[in-house]
């Protein structure tokens, strides 16, 4: 909520914007509009009014202001959201999506599973627009999160793209990339030694065999049922979280060992 000082600034901005657009706005009308807009941050109101001055022809209206506030919240339109949802349907893709996209995709999945993309899109768009409207009515900020896929290269590309598009902050993106570019540490500790010394460690025969198993599992995964795919995705995300915790602990242990020498 805007405080009293911010409300007064908003009133001045409204009056000044209306005047710049060739219309006189009374202080009372500006005060009423400012109160209606008080649930939004002042910076967002200011950006919306600036857009109105550039784009609107005619008098300043609440509809013009609100539409520009909503478009500035970072949520993609229905067409871009559908493209993101379709990309996430490939389990090998890593996709950065909003909460609304993820939930709406659930409504579209039954149609997607039987190959009905037209019906899936209708279901998705209907759910997505309803969810976005409710989120905006609740003044809920957009939340972008990473849905991890199986292709390691696509993971890095997706996170980099999200940072460049300012969908996730740079510091959060660096954390994701740090997690995604670390290789699992082997049981004999040679990978940890490689991280410390910079020495490249060649995989052992047992590791090569495990990699073959992983490749075979990935091929089997493509033919799995929808429920199996969902279960494997959840397992992969849990494994990713566990690996991050494991790496952190081993680094702590390594630092402690060096300090004790």
C-alpha atoms as a PDB file:
ATOM      1  CA  UNK A   1       0.000   0.000   0.000  1.00  0.00           C
ATOM      2  CA  UNK A   2       1.171   3.530  -0.755  1.00  0.00           C
ATOM      3  CA  UNK A   3       1.890   5.700   2.260  1.00  0.00           C
ATOM      4  CA  UNK A   4       0.610   9.269   2.550  1.00  0.00           C
ATOM      5  CA  UNK A   5       3.683  10.799   0.935  1.00  0.00           C
ATOM      6  CA  UNK A   6       3.540   8.340  -1.974  1.00  0.00           C
ATOM      7  CA  UNK A   7      -0.185   9.034  -2.424  1.00  0.00           C
ATOM      8  CA  UNK A   8       0.549  12.737  -2.795  1.00  0.00           C
ATOM      9  CA  UNK A   9       3.259  11.977  -5.349  1.00  0.00           C
ATOM     10  CA  UNK A  10       0.844   9.727  -7.255  1.00  0.00           C
ATOM     11  CA  UNK A  11      -1.781  12.510  -7.312  1.00  0.00           C
ATOM     12  CA  UNK A  12       0.788  14.940  -8.752  1.00  0.00           C
ATOM     13  CA  UNK A  13       1.820  12.356 -11.358  1.00  0.00           C
ATOM     14  CA  UNK A  14      -1.788  11.767 -12.383  1.00  0.00           C
ATOM     15  CA  UNK A  15      -2.517  15.482 -12.720  1.00  0.00           C
ATOM     16  CA  UNK A  16       0.717  16.103 -14.616  1.00  0.00           C
ATOM     17  CA  UNK A  17       0.136  13.167 -16.969  1.00  0.00           C
ATOM     18  CA  UNK A  18      -3.426  14.257 -17.726  1.00  0.00           C
ATOM     19  CA  UNK A  19      -2.227  17.790 -18.440  1.00  0.00           C
ATOM     20  CA  UNK A  20       0.552  16.484 -20.702  1.00  0.00           C
ATOM     21  CA  UNK A  21      -2.130  14.588 -22.621  1.00  0.00           C
ATOM     22  CA  UNK A  22      -4.165  17.780 -23.078  1.00  0.00           C
ATOM     23  CA  UNK A  23      -6.790  17.109 -20.404  1.00  0.00           C
ATOM     24  CA  UNK A  24      -7.397  18.756 -17.042  1.00  0.00           C
ATOM     25  CA  UNK A  25      -7.814  16.371 -14.110  1.00  0.00           C
ATOM     26  CA  UNK A  26      -9.305  17.807 -10.913  1.00  0.00           C
ATOM     27  CA  UNK A  27      -7.451  17.190  -7.637  1.00  0.00           C
ATOM     28  CA  UNK A  28     -10.470  15.247  -6.308  1.00  0.00           C
ATOM     29  CA  UNK A  29     -10.559  12.953  -9.337  1.00  0.00           C
ATOM     30  CA  UNK A  30      -6.797  12.456  -9.132  1.00  0.00           C
ATOM     31  CA  UNK A  31      -7.057  11.625  -5.424  1.00  0.00           C
ATOM     32  CA  UNK A  32      -9.738   8.997  -6.099  1.00  0.00           C
ATOM     33  CA  UNK A  33      -7.631   7.438  -8.858  1.00  0.00           C
ATOM     34  CA  UNK A  34      -4.552   7.454  -6.626  1.00  0.00           C
ATOM     35  CA  UNK A  35      -6.434   5.606  -3.884  1.00  0.00           C
ATOM     36  CA  UNK A  36      -7.621   3.017  -6.422  1.00  0.00           C
ATOM     37  CA  UNK A  37      -4.021   2.543  -7.525  1.00  0.00           C
ATOM     38  CA  UNK A  38      -2.565   2.531  -4.004  1.00  0.00           C
ATOM     39  CA  UNK A  39      -2.181  -1.265  -3.900  1.00  0.00           C
ATOM     40  CA  UNK A  40       0.537  -1.045  -6.547  1.00  0.00           C
ATOM     41  CA  UNK A  41       4.134   0.156  -5.975  1.00  0.00           C
ATOM     42  CA  UNK A  42       4.717   3.811  -6.826  1.00  0.00           C
ATOM     43  CA  UNK A  43       7.450   2.905  -9.316  1.00  0.00           C
ATOM     44  CA  UNK A  44       5.042   0.697 -11.251  1.00  0.00           C
ATOM     45  CA  UNK A  45       2.412   3.471 -11.328  1.00  0.00           C
ATOM     46  CA  UNK A  46       5.001   5.923 -12.600  1.00  0.00           C
ATOM     47  CA  UNK A  47       6.069   3.556 -15.404  1.00  0.00           C
ATOM     48  CA  UNK A  48       2.430   2.992 -16.402  1.00  0.00           C
ATOM     49  CA  UNK A  49       1.747   6.729 -16.563  1.00  0.00           C
ATOM     50  CA  UNK A  50       4.859   7.250 -18.666  1.00  0.00           C
ATOM     51  CA  UNK A  51       3.593   4.586 -21.076  1.00  0.00           C
ATOM     52  CA  UNK A  52       0.186   6.298 -21.183  1.00  0.00           C
ATOM     53  CA  UNK A  53       1.778   9.611 -22.139  1.00  0.00           C
ATOM     54  CA  UNK A  54       3.549   7.920 -25.032  1.00  0.00           C
ATOM     55  CA  UNK A  55       0.818   5.605 -26.252  1.00  0.00           C
ATOM     56  CA  UNK A  56      -2.678   6.860 -25.342  1.00  0.00           C
ATOM     57  CA  UNK A  57      -4.575   9.306 -27.504  1.00  0.00           C
ATOM     58  CA  UNK A  58      -7.350  11.155 -25.707  1.00  0.00           C
ATOM     59  CA  UNK A  59      -8.115  11.468 -22.006  1.00  0.00           C
ATOM     60  CA  UNK A  60      -6.379   9.476 -19.298  1.00  0.00           C
ATOM     61  CA  UNK A  61      -8.472   6.596 -17.938  1.00  0.00           C
ATOM     62  CA  UNK A  62      -8.029   4.025 -15.174  1.00  0.00           C
ATOM     63  CA  UNK A  63      -8.331   1.269 -17.780  1.00  0.00           C
ATOM     64  CA  UNK A  64      -5.336   2.671 -19.655  1.00  0.00           C
ATOM     65  CA  UNK A  65      -3.260   2.852 -16.484  1.00  0.00           C
ATOM     66  CA  UNK A  66      -4.224  -0.602 -15.186  1.00  0.00           C
ATOM     67  CA  UNK A  67      -3.599  -2.326 -18.512  1.00  0.00           C
ATOM     68  CA  UNK A  68      -0.056  -0.963 -18.542  1.00  0.00           C
ATOM     69  CA  UNK A  69       0.547  -1.876 -14.914  1.00  0.00           C
ATOM     70  CA  UNK A  70      -0.540  -5.444 -15.676  1.00  0.00           C
ATOM     71  CA  UNK A  71       1.593  -5.740 -18.793  1.00  0.00           C
ATOM     72  CA  UNK A  72       4.609  -4.634 -16.756  1.00  0.00           C
ATOM     73  CA  UNK A  73       4.274  -7.416 -14.180  1.00  0.00           C
ATOM     74  CA  UNK A  74       6.448  -9.756 -16.252  1.00  0.00           C
ATOM     75  CA  UNK A  75       3.837 -12.402 -17.057  1.00  0.00           C
ATOM     76  CA  UNK A  76       3.915 -13.535 -20.710  1.00  0.00           C
ATOM     77  CA  UNK A  77       0.825 -13.283 -22.887  1.00  0.00           C
ATOM     78  CA  UNK A  78      -1.173 -16.423 -23.656  1.00  0.00           C
ATOM     79  CA  UNK A  79       0.689 -17.212 -26.891  1.00  0.00           C
ATOM     80  CA  UNK A  80       4.159 -17.013 -25.355  1.00  0.00           C
ATOM     81  CA  UNK A  81       2.923 -18.909 -22.302  1.00  0.00           C
ATOM     82  CA  UNK A  82       1.629 -21.736 -24.532  1.00  0.00           C
ATOM     83  CA  UNK A  83       4.984 -21.933 -26.329  1.00  0.00           C
ATOM     84  CA  UNK A  84       6.752 -22.276 -22.968  1.00  0.00           C
ATOM     85  CA  UNK A  85       4.260 -24.935 -21.864  1.00  0.00           C
ATOM     86  CA  UNK A  86       4.813 -26.963 -25.040  1.00  0.00           C
ATOM     87  CA  UNK A  87       8.589 -26.788 -24.586  1.00  0.00           C
ATOM     88  CA  UNK A  88       8.218 -28.199 -21.082  1.00  0.00           C
ATOM     89  CA  UNK A  89       6.332 -31.190 -22.487  1.00  0.00           C
ATOM     90  CA  UNK A  90       9.682 -32.501 -23.761  1.00  0.00           C
ATOM     91  CA  UNK A  91      11.257 -34.072 -20.679  1.00  0.00           C
ATOM     92  CA  UNK A  92      14.758 -33.381 -21.978  1.00  0.00           C
ATOM     93  CA  UNK A  93      14.135 -29.606 -22.034  1.00  0.00           C
ATOM     94  CA  UNK A  94      14.853 -27.359 -19.072  1.00  0.00           C
ATOM     95  CA  UNK A  95      12.184 -24.664 -19.023  1.00  0.00           C
ATOM     96  CA  UNK A  96      11.837 -21.485 -16.967  1.00  0.00           C
ATOM     97  CA  UNK A  97       8.114 -20.966 -16.368  1.00  0.00           C
ATOM     98  CA  UNK A  98       5.687 -19.095 -14.145  1.00  0.00           C
ATOM     99  CA  UNK A  99       3.403 -20.650 -11.559  1.00  0.00           C
ATOM    100  CA  UNK A 100       0.403 -19.893 -13.782  1.00  0.00           C
ATOM    101  CA  UNK A 101       1.943 -21.692 -16.774  1.00  0.00           C
ATOM    102  CA  UNK A 102       2.689 -24.762 -14.693  1.00  0.00           C
ATOM    103  CA  UNK A 103      -0.850 -24.987 -13.290  1.00  0.00           C
ATOM    104  CA  UNK A 104      -2.532 -24.284 -16.649  1.00  0.00           C
ATOM    105  CA  UNK A 105      -0.380 -26.977 -18.263  1.00  0.00           C
ATOM    106  CA  UNK A 106      -1.989 -29.469 -15.910  1.00  0.00           C
ATOM    107  CA  UNK A 107      -5.375 -28.579 -17.387  1.00  0.00           C
ATOM    108  CA  UNK A 108      -4.037 -29.106 -20.910  1.00  0.00           C
ATOM    109  CA  UNK A 109      -2.119 -32.312 -20.279  1.00  0.00           C
ATOM    110  CA  UNK A 110      -4.984 -34.804 -20.781  1.00  0.00           C
ATOM    111  CA  UNK A 111      -5.497 -33.465 -24.312  1.00  0.00           C
ATOM    112  CA  UNK A 112      -1.745 -33.372 -24.966  1.00  0.00           C
ATOM    113  CA  UNK A 113      -1.412 -36.996 -23.888  1.00  0.00           C
ATOM    114  CA  UNK A 114      -3.785 -38.112 -26.658  1.00  0.00           C
ATOM    115  CA  UNK A 115      -2.174 -35.853 -29.253  1.00  0.00           C
ATOM    116  CA  UNK A 116      -4.944 -33.225 -29.387  1.00  0.00           C
ATOM    117  CA  UNK A 117      -2.861 -30.034 -29.491  1.00  0.00           C
ATOM    118  CA  UNK A 118      -5.820 -27.877 -30.540  1.00  0.00           C
ATOM    119  CA  UNK A 119      -7.912 -28.972 -27.582  1.00  0.00           C
ATOM    120  CA  UNK A 120      -4.884 -28.731 -25.307  1.00  0.00           C
ATOM    121  CA  UNK A 121      -4.271 -25.135 -26.311  1.00  0.00           C
ATOM    122  CA  UNK A 122      -7.900 -24.169 -25.689  1.00  0.00           C
ATOM    123  CA  UNK A 123      -7.798 -25.731 -22.233  1.00  0.00           C
ATOM    124  CA  UNK A 124      -4.452 -24.128 -21.459  1.00  0.00           C
ATOM    125  CA  UNK A 125      -5.392 -20.611 -22.574  1.00  0.00           C
ATOM    126  CA  UNK A 126      -8.689 -20.710 -20.685  1.00  0.00           C
ATOM    127  CA  UNK A 127      -6.979 -21.787 -17.465  1.00  0.00           C
ATOM    128  CA  UNK A 128      -3.990 -19.498 -17.931  1.00  0.00           C
ATOM    129  CA  UNK A 129      -6.008 -16.329 -18.509  1.00  0.00           C
ATOM    130  CA  UNK A 130      -8.187 -17.106 -15.481  1.00  0.00           C
ATOM    131  CA  UNK A 131      -5.134 -17.688 -13.285  1.00  0.00           C
ATOM    132  CA  UNK A 132      -3.364 -14.535 -14.470  1.00  0.00           C
ATOM    133  CA  UNK A 133      -6.477 -12.423 -13.933  1.00  0.00           C
ATOM    134  CA  UNK A 134      -6.792 -13.719 -10.372  1.00  0.00           C
ATOM    135  CA  UNK A 135      -3.083 -13.238  -9.636  1.00  0.00           C
ATOM    136  CA  UNK A 136      -3.229  -9.653 -10.859  1.00  0.00           C
ATOM    137  CA  UNK A 137      -6.371  -8.973  -8.834  1.00  0.00           C
ATOM    138  CA  UNK A 138      -4.504 -10.254  -5.780  1.00  0.00           C
ATOM    139  CA  UNK A 139      -1.461  -8.073  -6.657  1.00  0.00           C
ATOM    140  CA  UNK A 140       0.635 -11.232  -6.698  1.00  0.00           C
ATOM    141  CA  UNK A 141       4.119 -10.736  -8.185  1.00  0.00           C
ATOM    142  CA  UNK A 142       5.187 -13.063 -10.970  1.00  0.00           C
ATOM    143  CA  UNK A 143       7.249 -16.070  -9.883  1.00  0.00           C
ATOM    144  CA  UNK A 144       9.570 -17.673 -12.450  1.00  0.00           C
ATOM    145  CA  UNK A 145      11.068 -21.044 -11.546  1.00  0.00           C
ATOM    146  CA  UNK A 146      13.221 -23.640 -13.292  1.00  0.00           C
ATOM    147  CA  UNK A 147      11.767 -26.977 -14.344  1.00  0.00           C
ATOM    148  CA  UNK A 148      14.777 -29.264 -14.808  1.00  0.00           C
ATOM    149  CA  UNK A 149      15.094 -31.468 -17.913  1.00  0.00           C
ATOM    150  CA  UNK A 150      17.426 -34.354 -18.642  1.00  0.00           C
ATOM    151  CA  UNK A 151      19.657 -32.680 -21.262  1.00  0.00           C
ATOM    152  CA  UNK A 152      22.516 -30.973 -19.364  1.00  0.00           C
ATOM    153  CA  UNK A 153      23.324 -28.566 -22.224  1.00  0.00           C
ATOM    154  CA  UNK A 154      19.738 -27.387 -22.477  1.00  0.00           C
ATOM    155  CA  UNK A 155      19.719 -26.710 -18.732  1.00  0.00           C
ATOM    156  CA  UNK A 156      22.532 -24.173 -19.024  1.00  0.00           C
ATOM    157  CA  UNK A 157      21.042 -22.563 -22.153  1.00  0.00           C
ATOM    158  CA  UNK A 158      17.640 -22.155 -20.491  1.00  0.00           C
ATOM    159  CA  UNK A 159      19.045 -20.527 -17.353  1.00  0.00           C
ATOM    160  CA  UNK A 160      21.267 -18.160 -19.360  1.00  0.00           C
ATOM    161  CA  UNK A 161      18.305 -17.123 -21.517  1.00  0.00           C
ATOM    162  CA  UNK A 162      16.139 -16.513 -18.439  1.00  0.00           C
ATOM    163  CA  UNK A 163      18.821 -14.275 -16.905  1.00  0.00           C
ATOM    164  CA  UNK A 164      19.208 -12.307 -20.145  1.00  0.00           C
ATOM    165  CA  UNK A 165      15.434 -11.800 -20.311  1.00  0.00           C
ATOM    166  CA  UNK A 166      15.473 -10.685 -16.642  1.00  0.00           C
ATOM    167  CA  UNK A 167      13.074 -13.435 -15.654  1.00  0.00           C
ATOM    168  CA  UNK A 168      15.364 -14.606 -12.886  1.00  0.00           C
ATOM    169  CA  UNK A 169      17.933 -12.373 -11.122  1.00  0.00           C
ATOM    170  CA  UNK A 170      21.589 -12.690 -12.065  1.00  0.00           C
ATOM    171  CA  UNK A 171      22.649 -13.880  -8.613  1.00  0.00           C
ATOM    172  CA  UNK A 172      19.983 -16.588  -8.635  1.00  0.00           C
ATOM    173  CA  UNK A 173      21.014 -17.549 -12.156  1.00  0.00           C
ATOM    174  CA  UNK A 174      24.637 -17.904 -11.067  1.00  0.00           C
ATOM    175  CA  UNK A 175      23.557 -20.267  -8.281  1.00  0.00           C
ATOM    176  CA  UNK A 176      21.602 -22.396 -10.747  1.00  0.00           C
ATOM    177  CA  UNK A 177      24.542 -22.502 -13.150  1.00  0.00           C
ATOM    178  CA  UNK A 178      26.958 -23.389 -10.357  1.00  0.00           C
ATOM    179  CA  UNK A 179      24.737 -26.333  -9.423  1.00  0.00           C
ATOM    180  CA  UNK A 180      24.199 -27.449 -13.003  1.00  0.00           C
ATOM    181  CA  UNK A 181      27.860 -27.343 -14.037  1.00  0.00           C
ATOM    182  CA  UNK A 182      29.175 -29.366 -11.087  1.00  0.00           C
ATOM    183  CA  UNK A 183      29.772 -33.002 -11.819  1.00  0.00           C
ATOM    184  CA  UNK A 184      28.792 -35.579  -9.164  1.00  0.00           C
ATOM    185  CA  UNK A 185      31.673 -36.442  -6.819  1.00  0.00           C
ATOM    186  CA  UNK A 186      32.903 -40.047  -7.064  1.00  0.00           C
ATOM    187  CA  UNK A 187      33.065 -42.318  -4.074  1.00  0.00           C
ATOM    188  CA  UNK A 188      36.887 -42.437  -4.018  1.00  0.00           C
ATOM    189  CA  UNK A 189      37.098 -38.614  -3.824  1.00  0.00           C
ATOM    190  CA  UNK A 190      39.043 -38.173  -7.086  1.00  0.00           C
ATOM    191  CA  UNK A 191      36.493 -35.759  -8.503  1.00  0.00           C
ATOM    192  CA  UNK A 192      36.801 -33.609  -5.387  1.00  0.00           C
ATOM    193  CA  UNK A 193      40.579 -33.600  -5.794  1.00  0.00           C
ATOM    194  CA  UNK A 194      40.089 -32.527  -9.395  1.00  0.00           C
ATOM    195  CA  UNK A 195      37.936 -29.600  -8.300  1.00  0.00           C
ATOM    196  CA  UNK A 196      40.629 -28.456  -5.853  1.00  0.00           C
ATOM    197  CA  UNK A 197      43.732 -29.009  -8.022  1.00  0.00           C
ATOM    198  CA  UNK A 198      42.235 -28.412 -11.463  1.00  0.00           C
ATOM    199  CA  UNK A 199      43.351 -31.853 -12.624  1.00  0.00           C
ATOM    200  CA  UNK A 200      41.059 -33.556 -15.120  1.00  0.00           C
ATOM    201  CA  UNK A 201      39.943 -36.948 -13.817  1.00  0.00           C
ATOM    202  CA  UNK A 202      39.104 -39.608 -16.426  1.00  0.00           C
ATOM    203  CA  UNK A 203      36.071 -41.724 -15.605  1.00  0.00           C
ATOM    204  CA  UNK A 204      36.718 -45.217 -14.306  1.00  0.00           C
ATOM    205  CA  UNK A 205      35.346 -48.337 -15.978  1.00  0.00           C
ATOM    206  CA  UNK A 206      32.553 -48.527 -13.408  1.00  0.00           C
ATOM    207  CA  UNK A 207      31.567 -44.927 -14.092  1.00  0.00           C
ATOM    208  CA  UNK A 208      31.537 -45.591 -17.846  1.00  0.00           C
ATOM    209  CA  UNK A 209      29.226 -48.527 -17.228  1.00  0.00           C
ATOM    210  CA  UNK A 210      26.931 -46.327 -15.175  1.00  0.00           C
ATOM    211  CA  UNK A 211      26.849 -43.777 -17.987  1.00  0.00           C
ATOM    212  CA  UNK A 212      25.741 -46.510 -20.371  1.00  0.00           C
ATOM    213  CA  UNK A 213      22.942 -47.374 -17.960  1.00  0.00           C
ATOM    214  CA  UNK A 214      21.906 -43.723 -17.803  1.00  0.00           C
ATOM    215  CA  UNK A 215      21.802 -43.529 -21.599  1.00  0.00           C
ATOM    216  CA  UNK A 216      19.688 -46.674 -21.774  1.00  0.00           C
ATOM    217  CA  UNK A 217      17.347 -45.285 -19.132  1.00  0.00           C
ATOM    218  CA  UNK A 218      16.934 -42.066 -21.087  1.00  0.00           C
ATOM    219  CA  UNK A 219      15.945 -44.021 -24.193  1.00  0.00           C
ATOM    220  CA  UNK A 220      13.440 -46.051 -22.184  1.00  0.00           C
ATOM    221  CA  UNK A 221      12.088 -42.851 -20.715  1.00  0.00           C
ATOM    222  CA  UNK A 222      10.942 -41.574 -24.110  1.00  0.00           C
ATOM    223  CA  UNK A 223       8.590 -44.541 -24.388  1.00  0.00           C
ATOM    224  CA  UNK A 224       7.285 -44.298 -20.838  1.00  0.00           C
ATOM    225  CA  UNK A 225       3.693 -43.500 -19.950  1.00  0.00           C
ATOM    226  CA  UNK A 226       2.632 -40.033 -18.809  1.00  0.00           C
ATOM    227  CA  UNK A 227       2.484 -41.100 -15.163  1.00  0.00           C
ATOM    228  CA  UNK A 228       5.925 -42.674 -15.366  1.00  0.00           C
ATOM    229  CA  UNK A 229       7.314 -39.515 -16.911  1.00  0.00           C
ATOM    230  CA  UNK A 230       5.891 -37.420 -14.093  1.00  0.00           C
ATOM    231  CA  UNK A 231       7.344 -39.774 -11.478  1.00  0.00           C
ATOM    232  CA  UNK A 232      10.784 -39.737 -13.100  1.00  0.00           C
ATOM    233  CA  UNK A 233      10.750 -35.939 -13.353  1.00  0.00           C
ATOM    234  CA  UNK A 234       9.966 -35.610  -9.641  1.00  0.00           C
ATOM    235  CA  UNK A 235      12.711 -38.118  -8.815  1.00  0.00           C
ATOM    236  CA  UNK A 236      15.202 -36.160 -10.925  1.00  0.00           C
ATOM    237  CA  UNK A 237      14.330 -32.898  -9.172  1.00  0.00           C
ATOM    238  CA  UNK A 238      14.747 -34.562  -5.772  1.00  0.00           C
ATOM    239  CA  UNK A 239      18.093 -36.011  -6.871  1.00  0.00           C
ATOM    240  CA  UNK A 240      19.200 -32.560  -8.024  1.00  0.00           C
ATOM    241  CA  UNK A 241      18.415 -31.080  -4.591  1.00  0.00           C
ATOM    242  CA  UNK A 242      20.199 -33.940  -2.848  1.00  0.00           C
ATOM    243  CA  UNK A 243      23.254 -33.546  -5.084  1.00  0.00           C
ATOM    244  CA  UNK A 244      23.453 -29.841  -4.272  1.00  0.00           C
ATOM    245  CA  UNK A 245      23.377 -30.578  -0.534  1.00  0.00           C
ATOM    246  CA  UNK A 246      25.983 -33.348  -0.997  1.00  0.00           C
ATOM    247  CA  UNK A 247      28.327 -31.063  -2.931  1.00  0.00           C
ATOM    248  CA  UNK A 248      28.012 -28.332  -0.317  1.00  0.00           C
ATOM    249  CA  UNK A 249      28.865 -30.741   2.492  1.00  0.00           C
ATOM    250  CA  UNK A 250      31.918 -32.133   0.691  1.00  0.00           C
ATOM    251  CA  UNK A 251      33.240 -28.643   0.001  1.00  0.00           C
ATOM    252  CA  UNK A 252      32.770 -27.803   3.698  1.00  0.00           C
ATOM    253  CA  UNK A 253      34.602 -31.017   4.632  1.00  0.00           C
ATOM    254  CA  UNK A 254      37.419 -30.227   2.188  1.00  0.00           C
ATOM    255  CA  UNK A 255      37.860 -26.724   3.596  1.00  0.00           C
ATOM    256  CA  UNK A 256      37.886 -28.107   7.145  1.00  0.00           C
ATOM    257  CA  UNK A 257      40.519 -30.667   6.180  1.00  0.00           C
ATOM    258  CA  UNK A 258      42.787 -28.007   4.678  1.00  0.00           C
ATOM    259  CA  UNK A 259      42.381 -25.799   7.745  1.00  0.00           C
ATOM    260  CA  UNK A 260      43.396 -28.663  10.040  1.00  0.00           C
ATOM    261  CA  UNK A 261      46.602 -29.467   8.130  1.00  0.00           C
END
